[in-house]
Each structure stands twice: as structure tokens, then as C-alpha cells.
Amino acid sequence: MYSGTMKFDFNKDKSDQAREIMFNVYEALQQKGYNPISQIVGYIMSGDPTYITSHNNARSLIRKIERDELLEELVRFYLKDK
């Protein structure tokens, strides 16, 4: 059994793509009158794309990025100044 720490690599291009998608999805949810934070969290936690509006193609956009990649981008942004 391996007891070491695993390393996870994250591609910078994917990070930029995830950030752009998150901003677009946030804006689309806001335009439709939803609470963007709650809806995005619901999607990340459940994987259910119906948490995301189809307005401005937001649902299709968010499904281009794996949920773990979205979560990593959020953590990276939150901790960027540490």
C-alpha cells in the first residue's frame, strides 16, 4: 500500500478556461434572477446540470470543465494570496 502524498498537476490553460466559464455562468445566472453562488454550489455538489440555466449557453459551457477542475479553480482563487 502506498502511503506517500500524491501530486496533482493542473494545466494553466484549463485554469484560464475554467475561470472564463465561471464568470460567464455567474453572469447568466444573475441575469435570470438566480443566486449564482447557490446554483453553482448545487451543481458542483450534485453534478446535476439543471442547477445551471441554459441562458447564454451557460449549461453547456459549465459542462466543458470537470467539476473537480471547477472546484480546484475556486480554491486556487480563494487562496491565491497565501
PDB file of N, CA and C in Angstrom:
ATOM      1  N   MET A   1       0.840  -1.181   0.000  1.00  0.00           N
ATOM      2  CA  MET A   1       0.000   0.000   0.000  1.00  0.00           C
ATOM      3  C   MET A   1       0.887   1.246   0.000  1.00  0.00           C
ATOM      4  N   TYR A   2       0.572   2.184  -0.864  1.00  0.00           N
ATOM      5  CA  TYR A   2       1.325   3.432  -1.000  1.00  0.00           C
ATOM      6  C   TYR A   2       0.872   4.411   0.071  1.00  0.00           C
ATOM      7  N   SER A   3       1.801   4.951   0.851  1.00  0.00           N
ATOM      8  CA  SER A   3       1.429   5.870   1.920  1.00  0.00           C
ATOM      9  C   SER A   3       1.958   7.287   1.695  1.00  0.00           C
ATOM     10  N   GLY A   4       2.542   7.537   0.531  1.00  0.00           N
ATOM     11  CA  GLY A   4       3.063   8.868   0.224  1.00  0.00           C
ATOM     12  C   GLY A   4       1.960   9.822  -0.203  1.00  0.00           C
ATOM     13  N   THR A   5       2.348  11.044  -0.411  1.00  0.00           N
ATOM     14  CA  THR A   5       1.415  12.062  -0.877  1.00  0.00           C
ATOM     15  C   THR A   5       1.381  12.053  -2.388  1.00  0.00           C
ATOM     16  N   MET A   6       0.173  12.036  -2.931  1.00  0.00           N
ATOM     17  CA  MET A   6       0.023  12.077  -4.385  1.00  0.00           C
ATOM     18  C   MET A   6       0.097  13.522  -4.843  1.00  0.00           C
ATOM     19  N   LYS A   7       0.645  13.733  -6.023  1.00  0.00           N
ATOM     20  CA  LYS A   7       0.752  15.072  -6.595  1.00  0.00           C
ATOM     21  C   LYS A   7      -0.297  15.217  -7.689  1.00  0.00           C
ATOM     22  N   PHE A   8      -0.961  16.354  -7.685  1.00  0.00           N
ATOM     23  CA  PHE A   8      -1.985  16.633  -8.681  1.00  0.00           C
ATOM     24  C   PHE A   8      -1.509  17.795  -9.527  1.00  0.00           C
ATOM     25  N   ASP A   9      -1.366  17.591 -10.834  1.00  0.00           N
ATOM     26  CA  ASP A   9      -0.964  18.655 -11.752  1.00  0.00           C
ATOM     27  C   ASP A   9      -2.194  19.299 -12.354  1.00  0.00           C
ATOM     28  N   PHE A  10      -2.145  20.607 -12.505  1.00  0.00           N
ATOM     29  CA  PHE A  10      -3.255  21.340 -13.093  1.00  0.00           C
ATOM     30  C   PHE A  10      -2.725  22.197 -14.220  1.00  0.00           C
ATOM     31  N   ASN A  11      -3.295  22.051 -15.363  1.00  0.00           N
ATOM     32  CA  ASN A  11      -2.874  22.750 -16.570  1.00  0.00           C
ATOM     33  C   ASN A  11      -3.316  24.221 -16.514  1.00  0.00           C
ATOM     34  N   LYS A  12      -2.396  25.147 -16.735  1.00  0.00           N
ATOM     35  CA  LYS A  12      -2.687  26.590 -16.697  1.00  0.00           C
ATOM     36  C   LYS A  12      -3.759  26.978 -17.716  1.00  0.00           C
ATOM     37  N   ASP A  13      -3.724  26.375 -18.904  1.00  0.00           N
ATOM     38  CA  ASP A  13      -4.740  26.687 -19.909  1.00  0.00           C
ATOM     39  C   ASP A  13      -6.130  26.302 -19.426  1.00  0.00           C
ATOM     40  N   LYS A  14      -6.239  25.162 -18.758  1.00  0.00           N
ATOM     41  CA  LYS A  14      -7.528  24.748 -18.203  1.00  0.00           C
ATOM     42  C   LYS A  14      -7.976  25.701 -17.110  1.00  0.00           C
ATOM     43  N   SER A  15      -7.029  26.197 -16.346  1.00  0.00           N
ATOM     44  CA  SER A  15      -7.349  27.150 -15.285  1.00  0.00           C
ATOM     45  C   SER A  15      -7.964  28.414 -15.884  1.00  0.00           C
ATOM     46  N   ASP A  16      -7.363  28.931 -16.931  1.00  0.00           N
ATOM     47  CA  ASP A  16      -7.887  30.125 -17.594  1.00  0.00           C
ATOM     48  C   ASP A  16      -9.268  29.861 -18.189  1.00  0.00           C
ATOM     49  N   GLN A  17      -9.439  28.693 -18.794  1.00  0.00           N
ATOM     50  CA  GLN A  17     -10.723  28.327 -19.388  1.00  0.00           C
ATOM     51  C   GLN A  17     -11.790  28.196 -18.291  1.00  0.00           C
ATOM     52  N   ALA A  18     -11.446  27.561 -17.183  1.00  0.00           N
ATOM     53  CA  ALA A  18     -12.387  27.404 -16.072  1.00  0.00           C
ATOM     54  C   ALA A  18     -12.811  28.759 -15.521  1.00  0.00           C
ATOM     55  N   ARG A  19     -11.864  29.652 -15.370  1.00  0.00           N
ATOM     56  CA  ARG A  19     -12.163  30.990 -14.845  1.00  0.00           C
ATOM     57  C   ARG A  19     -13.139  31.721 -15.774  1.00  0.00           C
ATOM     58  N   GLU A  20     -12.870  31.683 -17.056  1.00  0.00           N
ATOM     59  CA  GLU A  20     -13.745  32.364 -18.017  1.00  0.00           C
ATOM     60  C   GLU A  20     -15.152  31.754 -17.994  1.00  0.00           C
ATOM     61  N   ILE A  21     -15.230  30.452 -17.954  1.00  0.00           N
ATOM     62  CA  ILE A  21     -16.531  29.778 -17.909  1.00  0.00           C
ATOM     63  C   ILE A  21     -17.282  30.152 -16.634  1.00  0.00           C
ATOM     64  N   MET A  22     -16.586  30.167 -15.495  1.00  0.00           N
ATOM     65  CA  MET A  22     -17.244  30.517 -14.233  1.00  0.00           C
ATOM     66  C   MET A  22     -17.816  31.933 -14.287  1.00  0.00           C
ATOM     67  N   PHE A  23     -17.075  32.872 -14.831  1.00  0.00           N
ATOM     68  CA  PHE A  23     -17.578  34.241 -14.946  1.00  0.00           C
ATOM     69  C   PHE A  23     -18.802  34.308 -15.855  1.00  0.00           C
ATOM     70  N   ASN A  24     -18.769  33.603 -16.984  1.00  0.00           N
ATOM     71  CA  ASN A  24     -19.907  33.594 -17.909  1.00  0.00           C
ATOM     72  C   ASN A  24     -21.137  32.951 -17.287  1.00  0.00           C
ATOM     73  N   VAL A  25     -20.945  31.844 -16.589  1.00  0.00           N
ATOM     74  CA  VAL A  25     -22.060  31.150 -15.943  1.00  0.00           C
ATOM     75  C   VAL A  25     -22.638  32.027 -14.833  1.00  0.00           C
ATOM     76  N   TYR A  26     -21.779  32.636 -14.045  1.00  0.00           N
ATOM     77  CA  TYR A  26     -22.223  33.538 -12.977  1.00  0.00           C
ATOM     78  C   TYR A  26     -23.109  34.649 -13.556  1.00  0.00           C
ATOM     79  N   GLU A  27     -22.639  35.260 -14.611  1.00  0.00           N
ATOM     80  CA  GLU A  27     -23.387  36.356 -15.230  1.00  0.00           C
ATOM     81  C   GLU A  27     -24.734  35.891 -15.772  1.00  0.00           C
ATOM     82  N   ALA A  28     -24.768  34.735 -16.417  1.00  0.00           N
ATOM     83  CA  ALA A  28     -26.022  34.203 -16.960  1.00  0.00           C
ATOM     84  C   ALA A  28     -27.016  33.910 -15.837  1.00  0.00           C
ATOM     85  N   LEU A  29     -26.553  33.330 -14.749  1.00  0.00           N
ATOM     86  CA  LEU A  29     -27.437  33.039 -13.614  1.00  0.00           C
ATOM     87  C   LEU A  29     -27.974  34.330 -13.006  1.00  0.00           C
ATOM     88  N   GLN A  30     -27.105  35.307 -12.882  1.00  0.00           N
ATOM     89  CA  GLN A  30     -27.513  36.598 -12.329  1.00  0.00           C
ATOM     90  C   GLN A  30     -28.558  37.266 -13.224  1.00  0.00           C
ATOM     91  N   GLN A  31     -28.355  37.228 -14.527  1.00  0.00           N
ATOM     92  CA  GLN A  31     -29.293  37.824 -15.476  1.00  0.00           C
ATOM     93  C   GLN A  31     -30.678  37.189 -15.384  1.00  0.00           C
ATOM     94  N   LYS A  32     -30.723  35.900 -15.061  1.00  0.00           N
ATOM     95  CA  LYS A  32     -32.005  35.202 -14.964  1.00  0.00           C
ATOM     96  C   LYS A  32     -32.629  35.308 -13.576  1.00  0.00           C
ATOM     97  N   GLY A  33     -31.947  36.018 -12.654  1.00  0.00           N
ATOM     98  CA  GLY A  33     -32.514  36.257 -11.334  1.00  0.00           C
ATOM     99  C   GLY A  33     -32.213  35.192 -10.295  1.00  0.00           C
ATOM    100  N   TYR A  34     -31.295  34.287 -10.591  1.00  0.00           N
ATOM    101  CA  TYR A  34     -30.908  33.257  -9.629  1.00  0.00           C
ATOM    102  C   TYR A  34     -29.791  33.771  -8.732  1.00  0.00           C
ATOM    103  N   ASN A  35     -29.599  33.095  -7.601  1.00  0.00           N
ATOM    104  CA  ASN A  35     -28.443  33.350  -6.744  1.00  0.00           C
ATOM    105  C   ASN A  35     -27.304  32.521  -7.332  1.00  0.00           C
ATOM    106  N   PRO A  36     -26.357  33.152  -8.032  1.00  0.00           N
ATOM    107  CA  PRO A  36     -25.315  32.399  -8.737  1.00  0.00           C
ATOM    108  C   PRO A  36     -24.476  31.501  -7.834  1.00  0.00           C
ATOM    109  N   ILE A  37     -24.162  31.967  -6.646  1.00  0.00           N
ATOM    110  CA  ILE A  37     -23.333  31.172  -5.736  1.00  0.00           C
ATOM    111  C   ILE A  37     -24.054  29.877  -5.363  1.00  0.00           C
ATOM    112  N   SER A  38     -25.302  29.991  -4.945  1.00  0.00           N
ATOM    113  CA  SER A  38     -26.074  28.798  -4.558  1.00  0.00           C
ATOM    114  C   SER A  38     -26.228  27.827  -5.716  1.00  0.00           C
ATOM    115  N   GLN A  39     -26.496  28.353  -6.892  1.00  0.00           N
ATOM    116  CA  GLN A  39     -26.702  27.482  -8.055  1.00  0.00           C
ATOM    117  C   GLN A  39     -25.411  26.761  -8.448  1.00  0.00           C
ATOM    118  N   ILE A  40     -24.296  27.480  -8.443  1.00  0.00           N
ATOM    119  CA  ILE A  40     -23.017  26.858  -8.814  1.00  0.00           C
ATOM    120  C   ILE A  40     -22.616  25.815  -7.780  1.00  0.00           C
ATOM    121  N   VAL A  41     -22.802  26.123  -6.492  1.00  0.00           N
ATOM    122  CA  VAL A  41     -22.505  25.140  -5.446  1.00  0.00           C
ATOM    123  C   VAL A  41     -23.380  23.908  -5.620  1.00  0.00           C
ATOM    124  N   GLY A  42     -24.653  24.107  -5.897  1.00  0.00           N
ATOM    125  CA  GLY A  42     -25.561  22.978  -6.133  1.00  0.00           C
ATOM    126  C   GLY A  42     -25.067  22.099  -7.269  1.00  0.00           C
ATOM    127  N   TYR A  43     -24.623  22.723  -8.336  1.00  0.00           N
ATOM    128  CA  TYR A  43     -24.100  21.962  -9.474  1.00  0.00           C
ATOM    129  C   TYR A  43     -22.829  21.198  -9.103  1.00  0.00           C
ATOM    130  N   ILE A  44     -21.892  21.863  -8.443  1.00  0.00           N
ATOM    131  CA  ILE A  44     -20.629  21.212  -8.094  1.00  0.00           C
ATOM    132  C   ILE A  44     -20.873  20.045  -7.142  1.00  0.00           C
ATOM    133  N   MET A  45     -21.750  20.233  -6.169  1.00  0.00           N
ATOM    134  CA  MET A  45     -22.006  19.180  -5.179  1.00  0.00           C
ATOM    135  C   MET A  45     -22.761  17.986  -5.768  1.00  0.00           C
ATOM    136  N   SER A  46     -23.721  18.258  -6.643  1.00  0.00           N
ATOM    137  CA  SER A  46     -24.589  17.180  -7.132  1.00  0.00           C
ATOM    138  C   SER A  46     -24.222  16.654  -8.510  1.00  0.00           C
ATOM    139  N   GLY A  47     -23.625  17.516  -9.329  1.00  0.00           N
ATOM    140  CA  GLY A  47     -23.361  17.134 -10.714  1.00  0.00           C
ATOM    141  C   GLY A  47     -24.582  17.293 -11.605  1.00  0.00           C
ATOM    142  N   ASP A  48     -25.665  17.803 -11.046  1.00  0.00           N
ATOM    143  CA  ASP A  48     -26.918  17.967 -11.792  1.00  0.00           C
ATOM    144  C   ASP A  48     -26.870  19.277 -12.583  1.00  0.00           C
ATOM    145  N   PRO A  49     -26.819  19.191 -13.906  1.00  0.00           N
ATOM    146  CA  PRO A  49     -26.687  20.404 -14.724  1.00  0.00           C
ATOM    147  C   PRO A  49     -27.913  21.313 -14.690  1.00  0.00           C
ATOM    148  N   THR A  50     -29.047  20.837 -14.165  1.00  0.00           N
ATOM    149  CA  THR A  50     -30.230  21.695 -14.125  1.00  0.00           C
ATOM    150  C   THR A  50     -30.105  22.819 -13.095  1.00  0.00           C
ATOM    151  N   TYR A  51     -29.075  22.792 -12.268  1.00  0.00           N
ATOM    152  CA  TYR A  51     -28.809  23.927 -11.385  1.00  0.00           C
ATOM    153  C   TYR A  51     -28.345  25.145 -12.183  1.00  0.00           C
ATOM    154  N   ILE A  52     -27.889  24.916 -13.396  1.00  0.00           N
ATOM    155  CA  ILE A  52     -27.347  25.985 -14.231  1.00  0.00           C
ATOM    156  C   ILE A  52     -28.328  26.285 -15.357  1.00  0.00           C
ATOM    157  N   THR A  53     -28.632  27.546 -15.536  1.00  0.00           N
ATOM    158  CA  THR A  53     -29.546  27.963 -16.591  1.00  0.00           C
ATOM    159  C   THR A  53     -28.957  27.681 -17.973  1.00  0.00           C
ATOM    160  N   SER A  54     -29.839  27.491 -18.929  1.00  0.00           N
ATOM    161  CA  SER A  54     -29.367  27.340 -20.308  1.00  0.00           C
ATOM    162  C   SER A  54     -29.213  28.703 -20.988  1.00  0.00           C
ATOM    163  N   HIS A  55     -29.606  29.770 -20.290  1.00  0.00           N
ATOM    164  CA  HIS A  55     -29.478  31.138 -20.803  1.00  0.00           C
ATOM    165  C   HIS A  55     -28.017  31.412 -21.189  1.00  0.00           C
ATOM    166  N   ASN A  56     -27.823  31.985 -22.340  1.00  0.00           N
ATOM    167  CA  ASN A  56     -26.480  32.301 -22.870  1.00  0.00           C
ATOM    168  C   ASN A  56     -25.558  31.084 -22.924  1.00  0.00           C
ATOM    169  N   ASN A  57     -26.162  29.911 -23.094  1.00  0.00           N
ATOM    170  CA  ASN A  57     -25.404  28.666 -23.252  1.00  0.00           C
ATOM    171  C   ASN A  57     -24.606  28.282 -21.999  1.00  0.00           C
ATOM    172  N   ALA A  58     -25.009  28.803 -20.826  1.00  0.00           N
ATOM    173  CA  ALA A  58     -24.259  28.587 -19.591  1.00  0.00           C
ATOM    174  C   ALA A  58     -24.177  27.109 -19.214  1.00  0.00           C
ATOM    175  N   ARG A  59     -25.262  26.375 -19.384  1.00  0.00           N
ATOM    176  CA  ARG A  59     -25.259  24.955 -19.003  1.00  0.00           C
ATOM    177  C   ARG A  59     -24.270  24.162 -19.849  1.00  0.00           C
ATOM    178  N   SER A  60     -24.232  24.434 -21.120  1.00  0.00           N
ATOM    179  CA  SER A  60     -23.274  23.744 -21.994  1.00  0.00           C
ATOM    180  C   SER A  60     -21.840  24.143 -21.658  1.00  0.00           C
ATOM    181  N   LEU A  61     -21.646  25.405 -21.354  1.00  0.00           N
ATOM    182  CA  LEU A  61     -20.299  25.881 -21.015  1.00  0.00           C
ATOM    183  C   LEU A  61     -19.752  25.202 -19.768  1.00  0.00           C
ATOM    184  N   ILE A  62     -20.561  25.156 -18.709  1.00  0.00           N
ATOM    185  CA  ILE A  62     -20.052  24.630 -17.447  1.00  0.00           C
ATOM    186  C   ILE A  62     -19.752  23.135 -17.547  1.00  0.00           C
ATOM    187  N   ARG A  63     -20.430  22.452 -18.444  1.00  0.00           N
ATOM    188  CA  ARG A  63     -20.190  21.012 -18.598  1.00  0.00           C
ATOM    189  C   ARG A  63     -18.917  20.715 -19.396  1.00  0.00           C
ATOM    190  N   LYS A  64     -18.271  21.744 -19.946  1.00  0.00           N
ATOM    191  CA  LYS A  64     -16.998  21.555 -20.654  1.00  0.00           C
ATOM    192  C   LYS A  64     -15.839  21.340 -19.688  1.00  0.00           C
ATOM    193  N   ILE A  65     -16.037  21.708 -18.424  1.00  0.00           N
ATOM    194  CA  ILE A  65     -14.998  21.598 -17.402  1.00  0.00           C
ATOM    195  C   ILE A  65     -15.474  20.601 -16.349  1.00  0.00           C
ATOM    196  N   GLU A  66     -14.598  19.675 -15.971  1.00  0.00           N
ATOM    197  CA  GLU A  66     -14.934  18.706 -14.930  1.00  0.00           C
ATOM    198  C   GLU A  66     -15.180  19.442 -13.608  1.00  0.00           C
ATOM    199  N   ARG A  67     -16.075  18.897 -12.801  1.00  0.00           N
ATOM    200  CA  ARG A  67     -16.405  19.552 -11.526  1.00  0.00           C
ATOM    201  C   ARG A  67     -15.194  19.677 -10.609  1.00  0.00           C
ATOM    202  N   ASP A  68     -14.315  18.686 -10.604  1.00  0.00           N
ATOM    203  CA  ASP A  68     -13.127  18.791  -9.750  1.00  0.00           C
ATOM    204  C   ASP A  68     -12.216  19.925 -10.223  1.00  0.00           C
ATOM    205  N   GLU A  69     -12.185  20.176 -11.521  1.00  0.00           N
ATOM    206  CA  GLU A  69     -11.395  21.281 -12.047  1.00  0.00           C
ATOM    207  C   GLU A  69     -12.008  22.627 -11.645  1.00  0.00           C
ATOM    208  N   LEU A  70     -13.336  22.703 -11.658  1.00  0.00           N
ATOM    209  CA  LEU A  70     -14.006  23.922 -11.203  1.00  0.00           C
ATOM    210  C   LEU A  70     -13.718  24.168  -9.730  1.00  0.00           C
ATOM    211  N   LEU A  71     -13.804  23.122  -8.943  1.00  0.00           N
ATOM    212  CA  LEU A  71     -13.536  23.255  -7.516  1.00  0.00           C
ATOM    213  C   LEU A  71     -12.095  23.675  -7.262  1.00  0.00           C
ATOM    214  N   GLU A  72     -11.169  23.109  -8.007  1.00  0.00           N
ATOM    215  CA  GLU A  72      -9.771  23.497  -7.840  1.00  0.00           C
ATOM    216  C   GLU A  72      -9.567  24.968  -8.189  1.00  0.00           C
ATOM    217  N   GLU A  73     -10.205  25.436  -9.227  1.00  0.00           N
ATOM    218  CA  GLU A  73     -10.083  26.842  -9.603  1.00  0.00           C
ATOM    219  C   GLU A  73     -10.627  27.746  -8.508  1.00  0.00           C
ATOM    220  N   LEU A  74     -11.729  27.355  -7.896  1.00  0.00           N
ATOM    221  CA  LEU A  74     -12.295  28.141  -6.804  1.00  0.00           C
ATOM    222  C   LEU A  74     -11.354  28.187  -5.602  1.00  0.00           C
ATOM    223  N   VAL A  75     -10.771  27.059  -5.249  1.00  0.00           N
ATOM    224  CA  VAL A  75      -9.824  27.011  -4.129  1.00  0.00           C
ATOM    225  C   VAL A  75      -8.580  27.849  -4.460  1.00  0.00           C
ATOM    226  N   ARG A  76      -8.089  27.714  -5.693  1.00  0.00           N
ATOM    227  CA  ARG A  76      -6.922  28.483  -6.117  1.00  0.00           C
ATOM    228  C   ARG A  76      -7.189  29.987  -5.995  1.00  0.00           C
ATOM    229  N   PHE A  77      -8.350  30.425  -6.446  1.00  0.00           N
ATOM    230  CA  PHE A  77      -8.700  31.840  -6.385  1.00  0.00           C
ATOM    231  C   PHE A  77      -8.805  32.307  -4.931  1.00  0.00           C
ATOM    232  N   TYR A  78      -9.425  31.508  -4.098  1.00  0.00           N
ATOM    233  CA  TYR A  78      -9.632  31.863  -2.694  1.00  0.00           C
ATOM    234  C   TYR A  78      -8.302  31.992  -1.954  1.00  0.00           C
ATOM    235  N   LEU A  79      -7.359  31.140  -2.295  1.00  0.00           N
ATOM    236  CA  LEU A  79      -6.075  31.097  -1.576  1.00  0.00           C
ATOM    237  C   LEU A  79      -4.920  31.745  -2.329  1.00  0.00           C
ATOM    238  N   LYS A  80      -5.196  32.468  -3.389  1.00  0.00           N
ATOM    239  CA  LYS A  80      -4.147  32.978  -4.271  1.00  0.00           C
ATOM    240  C   LYS A  80      -3.133  33.881  -3.588  1.00  0.00           C
ATOM    241  N   ASP A  81      -3.498  34.579  -2.540  1.00  0.00           N
ATOM    242  CA  ASP A  81      -2.566  35.492  -1.885  1.00  0.00           C
ATOM    243  C   ASP A  81      -1.851  34.875  -0.692  1.00  0.00           C
ATOM    244  N   LYS A  82      -2.016  33.611  -0.494  1.00  0.00           N
ATOM    245  CA  LYS A  82      -1.378  32.922   0.654  1.00  0.00           C
ATOM    246  C   LYS A  82       0.002  32.454   0.316  1.00  0.00           C
TER     247      LYS A  82
END
